[in-house]
């Protein structure tokens, strides 16, 4: 069961953001990590079997004050893939040329 966590982390510089992303990505079961929010102070973690409490504790220790904003389940998209056929079919034209060899040509073959 995939879950999506939104964590609010106090990040003041680009180095803090990079460090927070690296720490979140190194947790077990994480599939993707992103930064969002107006001030880019929220870390979005999507994964399977991720413990949000241990992740929050680790971010508090390494980066700064962190709190959980939302936890929600990610529903899988429909697996049906519809293939639409084009209204016409294009086939490449294959042209083959075979050289003709005559032992004694009656005329000049260049002209």
PDB file of N, CA and C in Angstrom:
ATOM      1  N   UNK A   1       0.841  -1.171   0.000  1.00  0.00           N
ATOM      2  CA  UNK A   1       0.000   0.000   0.000  1.00  0.00           C
ATOM      3  C   UNK A   1       0.889   1.238   0.000  1.00  0.00           C
ATOM      4  N   UNK A   2       0.824   1.999  -1.067  1.00  0.00           N
ATOM      5  CA  UNK A   2       1.624   3.215  -1.157  1.00  0.00           C
ATOM      6  C   UNK A   2       0.958   4.326  -0.367  1.00  0.00           C
ATOM      7  N   UNK A   3       1.797   5.118   0.265  1.00  0.00           N
ATOM      8  CA  UNK A   3       1.320   6.255   1.026  1.00  0.00           C
ATOM      9  C   UNK A   3       2.062   7.503   0.597  1.00  0.00           C
ATOM     10  N   UNK A   4       1.375   8.628   0.766  1.00  0.00           N
ATOM     11  CA  UNK A   4       1.966   9.925   0.448  1.00  0.00           C
ATOM     12  C   UNK A   4       2.004  10.749   1.728  1.00  0.00           C
ATOM     13  N   UNK A   5       3.194  11.194   2.107  1.00  0.00           N
ATOM     14  CA  UNK A   5       3.394  12.016   3.299  1.00  0.00           C
ATOM     15  C   UNK A   5       3.805  13.404   2.866  1.00  0.00           C
ATOM     16  N   UNK A   6       3.226  14.399   3.490  1.00  0.00           N
ATOM     17  CA  UNK A   6       3.663  15.777   3.293  1.00  0.00           C
ATOM     18  C   UNK A   6       4.219  16.241   4.624  1.00  0.00           C
ATOM     19  N   UNK A   7       5.506  16.560   4.640  1.00  0.00           N
ATOM     20  CA  UNK A   7       6.196  16.968   5.856  1.00  0.00           C
ATOM     21  C   UNK A   7       6.627  18.419   5.717  1.00  0.00           C
ATOM     22  N   UNK A   8       6.337  19.212   6.738  1.00  0.00           N
ATOM     23  CA  UNK A   8       6.772  20.602   6.731  1.00  0.00           C
ATOM     24  C   UNK A   8       8.084  20.681   7.491  1.00  0.00           C
ATOM     25  N   UNK A   9       9.118  21.105   6.793  1.00  0.00           N
ATOM     26  CA  UNK A   9      10.465  21.159   7.356  1.00  0.00           C
ATOM     27  C   UNK A   9      10.944  22.606   7.281  1.00  0.00           C
ATOM     28  N   UNK A  10      11.557  23.060   8.360  1.00  0.00           N
ATOM     29  CA  UNK A  10      12.101  24.418   8.357  1.00  0.00           C
ATOM     30  C   UNK A  10      13.421  24.397   7.592  1.00  0.00           C
ATOM     31  N   UNK A  11      13.366  24.905   6.355  1.00  0.00           N
ATOM     32  CA  UNK A  11      14.547  24.933   5.490  1.00  0.00           C
ATOM     33  C   UNK A  11      14.794  26.387   5.098  1.00  0.00           C
ATOM     34  N   UNK A  12      15.984  26.876   5.371  1.00  0.00           N
ATOM     35  CA  UNK A  12      16.288  28.277   5.122  1.00  0.00           C
ATOM     36  C   UNK A  12      17.145  28.506   3.888  1.00  0.00           C
ATOM     37  N   UNK A  13      17.801  27.474   3.406  1.00  0.00           N
ATOM     38  CA  UNK A  13      18.696  27.652   2.261  1.00  0.00           C
ATOM     39  C   UNK A  13      18.618  26.438   1.345  1.00  0.00           C
ATOM     40  N   UNK A  14      19.277  26.532   0.210  1.00  0.00           N
ATOM     41  CA  UNK A  14      19.302  25.438  -0.753  1.00  0.00           C
ATOM     42  C   UNK A  14      20.023  24.218  -0.225  1.00  0.00           C
ATOM     43  N   UNK A  15      21.033  24.441   0.596  1.00  0.00           N
ATOM     44  CA  UNK A  15      21.787  23.328   1.170  1.00  0.00           C
ATOM     45  C   UNK A  15      20.893  22.512   2.105  1.00  0.00           C
ATOM     46  N   UNK A  16      20.039  23.198   2.867  1.00  0.00           N
ATOM     47  CA  UNK A  16      19.102  22.510   3.764  1.00  0.00           C
ATOM     48  C   UNK A  16      18.092  21.695   2.956  1.00  0.00           C
ATOM     49  N   UNK A  17      17.622  22.244   1.843  1.00  0.00           N
ATOM     50  CA  UNK A  17      16.668  21.533   0.998  1.00  0.00           C
ATOM     51  C   UNK A  17      17.300  20.270   0.421  1.00  0.00           C
ATOM     52  N   UNK A  18      18.521  20.395  -0.058  1.00  0.00           N
ATOM     53  CA  UNK A  18      19.229  19.243  -0.607  1.00  0.00           C
ATOM     54  C   UNK A  18      19.440  18.173   0.449  1.00  0.00           C
ATOM     55  N   UNK A  19      19.815  18.588   1.635  1.00  0.00           N
ATOM     56  CA  UNK A  19      20.052  17.649   2.727  1.00  0.00           C
ATOM     57  C   UNK A  19      18.755  16.948   3.123  1.00  0.00           C
ATOM     58  N   UNK A  20      17.650  17.689   3.173  1.00  0.00           N
ATOM     59  CA  UNK A  20      16.363  17.091   3.522  1.00  0.00           C
ATOM     60  C   UNK A  20      15.924  16.080   2.470  1.00  0.00           C
ATOM     61  N   UNK A  21      16.132  16.410   1.182  1.00  0.00           N
ATOM     62  CA  UNK A  21      15.782  15.472   0.115  1.00  0.00           C
ATOM     63  C   UNK A  21      16.631  14.214   0.176  1.00  0.00           C
ATOM     64  N   UNK A  22      17.917  14.348   0.452  1.00  0.00           N
ATOM     65  CA  UNK A  22      18.800  13.186   0.541  1.00  0.00           C
ATOM     66  C   UNK A  22      18.399  12.289   1.703  1.00  0.00           C
ATOM     67  N   UNK A  23      18.069  12.881   2.836  1.00  0.00           N
ATOM     68  CA  UNK A  23      17.678  12.088   4.008  1.00  0.00           C
ATOM     69  C   UNK A  23      16.364  11.369   3.736  1.00  0.00           C
ATOM     70  N   UNK A  24      15.394  12.060   3.137  1.00  0.00           N
ATOM     71  CA  UNK A  24      14.102  11.439   2.844  1.00  0.00           C
ATOM     72  C   UNK A  24      14.251  10.329   1.805  1.00  0.00           C
ATOM     73  N   UNK A  25      15.112  10.522   0.823  1.00  0.00           N
ATOM     74  CA  UNK A  25      15.302   9.512  -0.219  1.00  0.00           C
ATOM     75  C   UNK A  25      16.026   8.280   0.301  1.00  0.00           C
ATOM     76  N   UNK A  26      16.812   8.432   1.359  1.00  0.00           N
ATOM     77  CA  UNK A  26      17.572   7.298   1.875  1.00  0.00           C
ATOM     78  C   UNK A  26      16.742   6.391   2.783  1.00  0.00           C
ATOM     79  N   UNK A  27      15.520   6.777   3.134  1.00  0.00           N
ATOM     80  CA  UNK A  27      14.670   5.945   3.985  1.00  0.00           C
ATOM     81  C   UNK A  27      14.222   4.699   3.222  1.00  0.00           C
ATOM     82  N   UNK A  28      13.954   3.632   3.956  1.00  0.00           N
ATOM     83  CA  UNK A  28      13.542   2.372   3.336  1.00  0.00           C
ATOM     84  C   UNK A  28      12.133   2.486   2.758  1.00  0.00           C
ATOM     85  N   UNK A  29      11.960   2.017   1.528  1.00  0.00           N
ATOM     86  CA  UNK A  29      10.652   1.962   0.894  1.00  0.00           C
ATOM     87  C   UNK A  29      10.225   3.212   0.166  1.00  0.00           C
ATOM     88  N   UNK A  30      11.073   4.227   0.081  1.00  0.00           N
ATOM     89  CA  UNK A  30      10.708   5.480  -0.573  1.00  0.00           C
ATOM     90  C   UNK A  30      10.835   5.327  -2.087  1.00  0.00           C
ATOM     91  N   UNK A  31       9.777   5.718  -2.808  1.00  0.00           N
ATOM     92  CA  UNK A  31       9.786   5.664  -4.266  1.00  0.00           C
ATOM     93  C   UNK A  31      10.129   7.013  -4.879  1.00  0.00           C
ATOM     94  N   UNK A  32       9.574   8.092  -4.326  1.00  0.00           N
ATOM     95  CA  UNK A  32       9.867   9.411  -4.875  1.00  0.00           C
ATOM     96  C   UNK A  32       9.819  10.463  -3.776  1.00  0.00           C
ATOM     97  N   UNK A  33      10.593  11.524  -3.988  1.00  0.00           N
ATOM     98  CA  UNK A  33      10.695  12.630  -3.039  1.00  0.00           C
ATOM     99  C   UNK A  33      10.646  13.919  -3.847  1.00  0.00           C
ATOM    100  N   UNK A  34       9.914  14.914  -3.341  1.00  0.00           N
ATOM    101  CA  UNK A  34       9.820  16.197  -4.032  1.00  0.00           C
ATOM    102  C   UNK A  34       9.624  17.307  -3.010  1.00  0.00           C
ATOM    103  N   UNK A  35       9.878  18.527  -3.464  1.00  0.00           N
ATOM    104  CA  UNK A  35       9.656  19.709  -2.630  1.00  0.00           C
ATOM    105  C   UNK A  35       8.497  20.485  -3.231  1.00  0.00           C
ATOM    106  N   UNK A  36       7.600  20.949  -2.365  1.00  0.00           N
ATOM    107  CA  UNK A  36       6.477  21.746  -2.836  1.00  0.00           C
ATOM    108  C   UNK A  36       6.154  22.807  -1.807  1.00  0.00           C
ATOM    109  N   UNK A  37       5.156  23.587  -2.085  1.00  0.00           N
ATOM    110  CA  UNK A  37       4.731  24.640  -1.176  1.00  0.00           C
ATOM    111  C   UNK A  37       5.121  26.003  -1.707  1.00  0.00           C
ATOM    112  N   UNK A  38       4.460  27.001  -1.182  1.00  0.00           N
ATOM    113  CA  UNK A  38       4.721  28.370  -1.629  1.00  0.00           C
ATOM    114  C   UNK A  38       6.148  28.791  -1.299  1.00  0.00           C
ATOM    115  N   UNK A  39       6.599  28.480  -0.098  1.00  0.00           N
ATOM    116  CA  UNK A  39       7.956  28.824   0.328  1.00  0.00           C
ATOM    117  C   UNK A  39       8.936  27.676   0.123  1.00  0.00           C
ATOM    118  N   UNK A  40       8.506  26.637  -0.554  1.00  0.00           N
ATOM    119  CA  UNK A  40       9.289  25.413  -0.758  1.00  0.00           C
ATOM    120  C   UNK A  40       9.787  24.884   0.578  1.00  0.00           C
ATOM    121  N   UNK A  41       8.857  24.748   1.506  1.00  0.00           N
ATOM    122  CA  UNK A  41       9.203  24.252   2.831  1.00  0.00           C
ATOM    123  C   UNK A  41       8.521  22.929   3.146  1.00  0.00           C
ATOM    124  N   UNK A  42       7.939  22.286   2.129  1.00  0.00           N
ATOM    125  CA  UNK A  42       7.274  21.008   2.329  1.00  0.00           C
ATOM    126  C   UNK A  42       7.962  19.937   1.501  1.00  0.00           C
ATOM    127  N   UNK A  43       8.192  18.793   2.138  1.00  0.00           N
ATOM    128  CA  UNK A  43       8.798  17.649   1.468  1.00  0.00           C
ATOM    129  C   UNK A  43       7.705  16.611   1.269  1.00  0.00           C
ATOM    130  N   UNK A  44       7.496  16.172   0.030  1.00  0.00           N
ATOM    131  CA  UNK A  44       6.497  15.166  -0.292  1.00  0.00           C
ATOM    132  C   UNK A  44       7.224  13.846  -0.515  1.00  0.00           C
ATOM    133  N   UNK A  45       6.831  12.832   0.259  1.00  0.00           N
ATOM    134  CA  UNK A  45       7.457  11.512   0.174  1.00  0.00           C
ATOM    135  C   UNK A  45       6.390  10.508  -0.221  1.00  0.00           C
ATOM    136  N   UNK A  46       6.631   9.749  -1.277  1.00  0.00           N
ATOM    137  CA  UNK A  46       5.729   8.686  -1.705  1.00  0.00           C
ATOM    138  C   UNK A  46       6.496   7.384  -1.631  1.00  0.00           C
ATOM    139  N   UNK A  47       5.901   6.401  -0.944  1.00  0.00           N
ATOM    140  CA  UNK A  47       6.584   5.128  -0.814  1.00  0.00           C
ATOM    141  C   UNK A  47       5.691   4.055  -0.245  1.00  0.00           C
ATOM    142  N   UNK A  48       6.252   2.862  -0.190  1.00  0.00           N
ATOM    143  CA  UNK A  48       5.533   1.697   0.300  1.00  0.00           C
ATOM    144  C   UNK A  48       6.222   1.201   1.567  1.00  0.00           C
ATOM    145  N   UNK A  49       5.526   1.225   2.683  1.00  0.00           N
ATOM    146  CA  UNK A  49       6.079   0.749   3.937  1.00  0.00           C
ATOM    147  C   UNK A  49       7.023   1.732   4.606  1.00  0.00           C
ATOM    148  N   UNK A  50       6.851   3.011   4.370  1.00  0.00           N
ATOM    149  CA  UNK A  50       7.702   4.037   4.971  1.00  0.00           C
ATOM    150  C   UNK A  50       7.131   4.405   6.339  1.00  0.00           C
ATOM    151  N   UNK A  51       7.989   4.498   7.333  1.00  0.00           N
ATOM    152  CA  UNK A  51       7.572   4.889   8.677  1.00  0.00           C
ATOM    153  C   UNK A  51       7.711   6.404   8.799  1.00  0.00           C
ATOM    154  N   UNK A  52       6.609   7.144   8.857  1.00  0.00           N
ATOM    155  CA  UNK A  52       6.706   8.603   8.882  1.00  0.00           C
ATOM    156  C   UNK A  52       7.294   9.135  10.183  1.00  0.00           C
ATOM    157  N   UNK A  53       7.085   8.437  11.282  1.00  0.00           N
ATOM    158  CA  UNK A  53       7.584   8.905  12.569  1.00  0.00           C
ATOM    159  C   UNK A  53       9.104   8.862  12.608  1.00  0.00           C
ATOM    160  N   UNK A  54       9.690   7.768  12.144  1.00  0.00           N
ATOM    161  CA  UNK A  54      11.153   7.682  12.141  1.00  0.00           C
ATOM    162  C   UNK A  54      11.760   8.682  11.153  1.00  0.00           C
ATOM    163  N   UNK A  55      11.055   8.918  10.049  1.00  0.00           N
ATOM    164  CA  UNK A  55      11.534   9.891   9.063  1.00  0.00           C
ATOM    165  C   UNK A  55      11.492  11.305   9.640  1.00  0.00           C
ATOM    166  N   UNK A  56      10.436  11.627  10.383  1.00  0.00           N
ATOM    167  CA  UNK A  56      10.329  12.935  11.014  1.00  0.00           C
ATOM    168  C   UNK A  56      11.423  13.113  12.062  1.00  0.00           C
ATOM    169  N   UNK A  57      11.662  12.083  12.863  1.00  0.00           N
ATOM    170  CA  UNK A  57      12.717  12.162  13.883  1.00  0.00           C
ATOM    171  C   UNK A  57      14.084  12.372  13.252  1.00  0.00           C
ATOM    172  N   UNK A  58      14.344  11.686  12.170  1.00  0.00           N
ATOM    173  CA  UNK A  58      15.628  11.823  11.485  1.00  0.00           C
ATOM    174  C   UNK A  58      15.786  13.222  10.879  1.00  0.00           C
ATOM    175  N   UNK A  59      14.721  13.751  10.277  1.00  0.00           N
ATOM    176  CA  UNK A  59      14.785  15.098   9.709  1.00  0.00           C
ATOM    177  C   UNK A  59      14.938  16.152  10.806  1.00  0.00           C
ATOM    178  N   UNK A  60      14.288  15.949  11.950  1.00  0.00           N
ATOM    179  CA  UNK A  60      14.450  16.889  13.063  1.00  0.00           C
ATOM    180  C   UNK A  60      15.883  16.912  13.556  1.00  0.00           C
ATOM    181  N   UNK A  61      16.494  15.745  13.593  1.00  0.00           N
ATOM    182  CA  UNK A  61      17.863  15.632  14.094  1.00  0.00           C
ATOM    183  C   UNK A  61      18.865  16.255  13.123  1.00  0.00           C
ATOM    184  N   UNK A  62      18.697  16.015  11.826  1.00  0.00           N
ATOM    185  CA  UNK A  62      19.686  16.423  10.834  1.00  0.00           C
ATOM    186  C   UNK A  62      19.435  17.810  10.234  1.00  0.00           C
ATOM    187  N   UNK A  63      18.155  18.204  10.054  1.00  0.00           N
ATOM    188  CA  UNK A  63      17.859  19.448   9.343  1.00  0.00           C
ATOM    189  C   UNK A  63      17.304  20.518  10.269  1.00  0.00           C
ATOM    190  N   UNK A  64      16.193  20.212  10.925  1.00  0.00           N
ATOM    191  CA  UNK A  64      15.569  21.205  11.785  1.00  0.00           C
ATOM    192  C   UNK A  64      14.156  20.796  12.145  1.00  0.00           C
ATOM    193  N   UNK A  65      13.380  21.722  12.709  1.00  0.00           N
ATOM    194  CA  UNK A  65      12.015  21.406  13.113  1.00  0.00           C
ATOM    195  C   UNK A  65      11.184  20.865  11.955  1.00  0.00           C
ATOM    196  N   UNK A  66      10.499  19.746  12.207  1.00  0.00           N
ATOM    197  CA  UNK A  66       9.727  19.056  11.187  1.00  0.00           C
ATOM    198  C   UNK A  66       8.396  18.619  11.778  1.00  0.00           C
ATOM    199  N   UNK A  67       7.347  18.718  10.993  1.00  0.00           N
ATOM    200  CA  UNK A  67       6.044  18.225  11.430  1.00  0.00           C
ATOM    201  C   UNK A  67       5.327  17.573  10.262  1.00  0.00           C
ATOM    202  N   UNK A  68       4.421  16.632  10.572  1.00  0.00           N
ATOM    203  CA  UNK A  68       3.650  15.934   9.559  1.00  0.00           C
ATOM    204  C   UNK A  68       2.422  16.771   9.228  1.00  0.00           C
ATOM    205  N   UNK A  69       2.236  17.085   7.954  1.00  0.00           N
ATOM    206  CA  UNK A  69       1.079  17.865   7.525  1.00  0.00           C
ATOM    207  C   UNK A  69      -0.057  16.929   7.137  1.00  0.00           C
ATOM    208  N   UNK A  70       0.187  16.004   6.204  1.00  0.00           N
ATOM    209  CA  UNK A  70      -0.837  15.051   5.788  1.00  0.00           C
ATOM    210  C   UNK A  70      -0.228  13.688   5.535  1.00  0.00           C
ATOM    211  N   UNK A  71      -1.069  12.677   5.722  1.00  0.00           N
ATOM    212  CA  UNK A  71      -0.728  11.298   5.365  1.00  0.00           C
ATOM    213  C   UNK A  71      -1.932  10.759   4.621  1.00  0.00           C
ATOM    214  N   UNK A  72      -1.734  10.295   3.396  1.00  0.00           N
ATOM    215  CA  UNK A  72      -2.849   9.760   2.622  1.00  0.00           C
ATOM    216  C   UNK A  72      -2.391   8.588   1.788  1.00  0.00           C
ATOM    217  N   UNK A  73      -3.346   7.761   1.425  1.00  0.00           N
ATOM    218  CA  UNK A  73      -3.057   6.583   0.610  1.00  0.00           C
ATOM    219  C   UNK A  73      -3.090   6.970  -0.864  1.00  0.00           C
ATOM    220  N   UNK A  74      -2.135   6.451  -1.607  1.00  0.00           N
ATOM    221  CA  UNK A  74      -2.081   6.711  -3.043  1.00  0.00           C
ATOM    222  C   UNK A  74      -2.820   5.584  -3.739  1.00  0.00           C
ATOM    223  N   UNK A  75      -3.852   5.951  -4.476  1.00  0.00           N
ATOM    224  CA  UNK A  75      -4.637   4.957  -5.194  1.00  0.00           C
ATOM    225  C   UNK A  75      -3.999   4.720  -6.556  1.00  0.00           C
ATOM    226  N   UNK A  76      -3.869   3.462  -6.952  1.00  0.00           N
ATOM    227  CA  UNK A  76      -3.259   3.201  -8.264  1.00  0.00           C
ATOM    228  C   UNK A  76      -4.192   3.643  -9.379  1.00  0.00           C
ATOM    229  N   UNK A  77      -3.598   4.113 -10.439  1.00  0.00           N
ATOM    230  CA  UNK A  77      -4.374   4.529 -11.604  1.00  0.00           C
ATOM    231  C   UNK A  77      -4.890   3.293 -12.318  1.00  0.00           C
ATOM    232  N   UNK A  78      -5.908   3.484 -13.128  1.00  0.00           N
ATOM    233  CA  UNK A  78      -6.438   2.365 -13.900  1.00  0.00           C
ATOM    234  C   UNK A  78      -5.343   1.809 -14.797  1.00  0.00           C
ATOM    235  N   UNK A  79      -5.232   0.517 -14.806  1.00  0.00           N
ATOM    236  CA  UNK A  79      -4.180  -0.129 -15.574  1.00  0.00           C
ATOM    237  C   UNK A  79      -4.578  -0.345 -17.034  1.00  0.00           C
ATOM    238  N   UNK A  80      -5.790   0.064 -17.401  1.00  0.00           N
ATOM    239  CA  UNK A  80      -6.224  -0.106 -18.775  1.00  0.00           C
ATOM    240  C   UNK A  80      -5.535   0.923 -19.661  1.00  0.00           C
ATOM    241  N   UNK A  81      -4.904   0.427 -20.670  1.00  0.00           N
ATOM    242  CA  UNK A  81      -4.249   1.305 -21.634  1.00  0.00           C
ATOM    243  C   UNK A  81      -4.953   1.109 -22.970  1.00  0.00           C
ATOM    244  N   UNK A  82      -5.585   2.150 -23.425  1.00  0.00           N
ATOM    245  CA  UNK A  82      -6.296   2.067 -24.684  1.00  0.00           C
ATOM    246  C   UNK A  82      -5.361   2.449 -25.822  1.00  0.00           C
ATOM    247  N   UNK A  83      -5.305   1.585 -26.796  1.00  0.00           N
ATOM    248  CA  UNK A  83      -4.466   1.841 -27.962  1.00  0.00           C
ATOM    249  C   UNK A  83      -5.386   2.255 -29.091  1.00  0.00           C
ATOM    250  N   UNK A  84      -5.198   3.458 -29.547  1.00  0.00           N
ATOM    251  CA  UNK A  84      -6.011   3.955 -30.649  1.00  0.00           C
ATOM    252  C   UNK A  84      -5.250   3.753 -31.943  1.00  0.00           C
ATOM    253  N   UNK A  85      -5.947   3.165 -32.891  1.00  0.00           N
ATOM    254  CA  UNK A  85      -5.321   2.954 -34.186  1.00  0.00           C
ATOM    255  C   UNK A  85      -5.471   4.215 -35.019  1.00  0.00           C
ATOM    256  N   UNK A  86      -4.466   4.539 -35.792  1.00  0.00           N
ATOM    257  CA  UNK A  86      -4.589   5.730 -36.642  1.00  0.00           C
ATOM    258  C   UNK A  86      -5.644   5.484 -37.716  1.00  0.00           C
ATOM    259  N   UNK A  87      -6.233   6.542 -38.255  1.00  0.00           N
ATOM    260  CA  UNK A  87      -7.271   6.362 -39.273  1.00  0.00           C
ATOM    261  C   UNK A  87      -6.729   5.765 -40.573  1.00  0.00           C
ATOM    262  N   UNK A  88      -5.457   5.797 -40.763  1.00  0.00           N
ATOM    263  CA  UNK A  88      -4.855   5.203 -41.944  1.00  0.00           C
ATOM    264  C   UNK A  88      -3.585   4.491 -41.523  1.00  0.00           C
ATOM    265  N   UNK A  89      -3.141   3.616 -42.364  1.00  0.00           N
ATOM    266  CA  UNK A  89      -1.908   2.880 -42.072  1.00  0.00           C
ATOM    267  C   UNK A  89      -0.870   3.238 -43.122  1.00  0.00           C
ATOM    268  N   UNK A  90       0.292   3.501 -42.658  1.00  0.00           N
ATOM    269  CA  UNK A  90       1.392   3.820 -43.557  1.00  0.00           C
ATOM    270  C   UNK A  90       2.368   2.653 -43.560  1.00  0.00           C
ATOM    271  N   UNK A  91       2.651   2.188 -44.711  1.00  0.00           N
ATOM    272  CA  UNK A  91       3.642   1.137 -44.853  1.00  0.00           C
ATOM    273  C   UNK A  91       4.803   1.687 -45.676  1.00  0.00           C
ATOM    274  N   UNK A  92       5.998   1.433 -45.252  1.00  0.00           N
ATOM    275  CA  UNK A  92       7.123   1.918 -46.044  1.00  0.00           C
ATOM    276  C   UNK A  92       7.226   1.150 -47.357  1.00  0.00           C
ATOM    277  N   UNK A  93       7.621   1.848 -48.374  1.00  0.00           N
ATOM    278  CA  UNK A  93       7.783   1.217 -49.672  1.00  0.00           C
ATOM    279  C   UNK A  93       9.209   0.700 -49.780  1.00  0.00           C
ATOM    280  N   UNK A  94       9.308  -0.573 -50.056  1.00  0.00           N
ATOM    281  CA  UNK A  94      10.617  -1.175 -50.214  1.00  0.00           C
ATOM    282  C   UNK A  94      10.860  -1.388 -51.702  1.00  0.00           C
ATOM    283  N   UNK A  95      11.897  -0.790 -52.168  1.00  0.00           N
ATOM    284  CA  UNK A  95      12.262  -0.916 -53.573  1.00  0.00           C
ATOM    285  C   UNK A  95      13.587  -1.652 -53.616  1.00  0.00           C
ATOM    286  N   UNK A  96      13.597  -2.708 -54.338  1.00  0.00           N
ATOM    287  CA  UNK A  96      14.838  -3.478 -54.469  1.00  0.00           C
ATOM    288  C   UNK A  96      15.304  -3.403 -55.918  1.00  0.00           C
ATOM    289  N   UNK A  97      16.560  -3.240 -56.036  1.00  0.00           N
ATOM    290  CA  UNK A  97      17.179  -3.196 -57.356  1.00  0.00           C
ATOM    291  C   UNK A  97      18.113  -4.381 -57.469  1.00  0.00           C
ATOM    292  N   UNK A  98      17.944  -5.095 -58.541  1.00  0.00           N
ATOM    293  CA  UNK A  98      18.821  -6.230 -58.790  1.00  0.00           C
ATOM    294  C   UNK A  98      19.654  -5.921 -60.028  1.00  0.00           C
ATOM    295  N   UNK A  99      20.940  -6.023 -59.903  1.00  0.00           N
ATOM    296  CA  UNK A  99      21.779  -5.760 -61.075  1.00  0.00           C
ATOM    297  C   UNK A  99      21.632  -6.877 -62.117  1.00  0.00           C
ATOM    298  N   UNK A 100      21.644  -6.476 -63.327  1.00  0.00           N
ATOM    299  CA  UNK A 100      21.537  -7.440 -64.421  1.00  0.00           C
ATOM    300  C   UNK A 100      22.917  -7.581 -65.052  1.00  0.00           C
ATOM    301  N   UNK A 101      23.398  -8.777 -65.082  1.00  0.00           N
ATOM    302  CA  UNK A 101      24.706  -9.015 -65.650  1.00  0.00           C
ATOM    303  C   UNK A 101      24.541  -9.807 -66.945  1.00  0.00           C
ATOM    304  N   UNK A 102      24.986  -9.217 -68.009  1.00  0.00           N
ATOM    305  CA  UNK A 102      25.008  -9.901 -69.295  1.00  0.00           C
ATOM    306  C   UNK A 102      26.473 -10.133 -69.654  1.00  0.00           C
ATOM    307  N   UNK A 103      26.780 -11.271 -70.135  1.00  0.00           N
ATOM    308  CA  UNK A 103      28.191 -11.527 -70.447  1.00  0.00           C
ATOM    309  C   UNK A 103      28.723 -10.630 -71.570  1.00  0.00           C
ATOM    310  N   UNK A 104      27.966 -10.414 -72.628  1.00  0.00           N
ATOM    311  CA  UNK A 104      28.376  -9.539 -73.713  1.00  0.00           C
ATOM    312  C   UNK A 104      27.257  -8.562 -74.023  1.00  0.00           C
ATOM    313  N   UNK A 105      27.286  -7.379 -73.421  1.00  0.00           N
ATOM    314  CA  UNK A 105      26.214  -6.441 -73.727  1.00  0.00           C
ATOM    315  C   UNK A 105      26.347  -5.921 -75.151  1.00  0.00           C
ATOM    316  N   UNK A 106      25.218  -5.752 -75.847  1.00  0.00           N
ATOM    317  CA  UNK A 106      25.264  -5.319 -77.246  1.00  0.00           C
ATOM    318  C   UNK A 106      25.538  -3.826 -77.381  1.00  0.00           C
ATOM    319  N   UNK A 107      25.429  -3.082 -76.305  1.00  0.00           N
ATOM    320  CA  UNK A 107      25.638  -1.641 -76.376  1.00  0.00           C
ATOM    321  C   UNK A 107      26.464  -1.191 -75.168  1.00  0.00           C
ATOM    322  N   UNK A 108      26.789   0.049 -75.152  1.00  0.00           N
ATOM    323  CA  UNK A 108      27.557   0.607 -74.038  1.00  0.00           C
ATOM    324  C   UNK A 108      26.618   0.751 -72.839  1.00  0.00           C
ATOM    325  N   UNK A 109      26.987   0.189 -71.708  1.00  0.00           N
ATOM    326  CA  UNK A 109      26.116   0.189 -70.551  1.00  0.00           C
ATOM    327  C   UNK A 109      26.176   1.503 -69.762  1.00  0.00           C
ATOM    328  N   UNK A 110      27.130   2.372 -70.089  1.00  0.00           N
ATOM    329  CA  UNK A 110      27.258   3.628 -69.356  1.00  0.00           C
ATOM    330  C   UNK A 110      26.248   4.630 -69.860  1.00  0.00           C
ATOM    331  N   UNK A 111      26.009   4.684 -71.144  1.00  0.00           N
ATOM    332  CA  UNK A 111      25.114   5.691 -71.702  1.00  0.00           C
ATOM    333  C   UNK A 111      23.783   5.167 -71.896  1.00  0.00           C
TER     334      UNK A 111
END
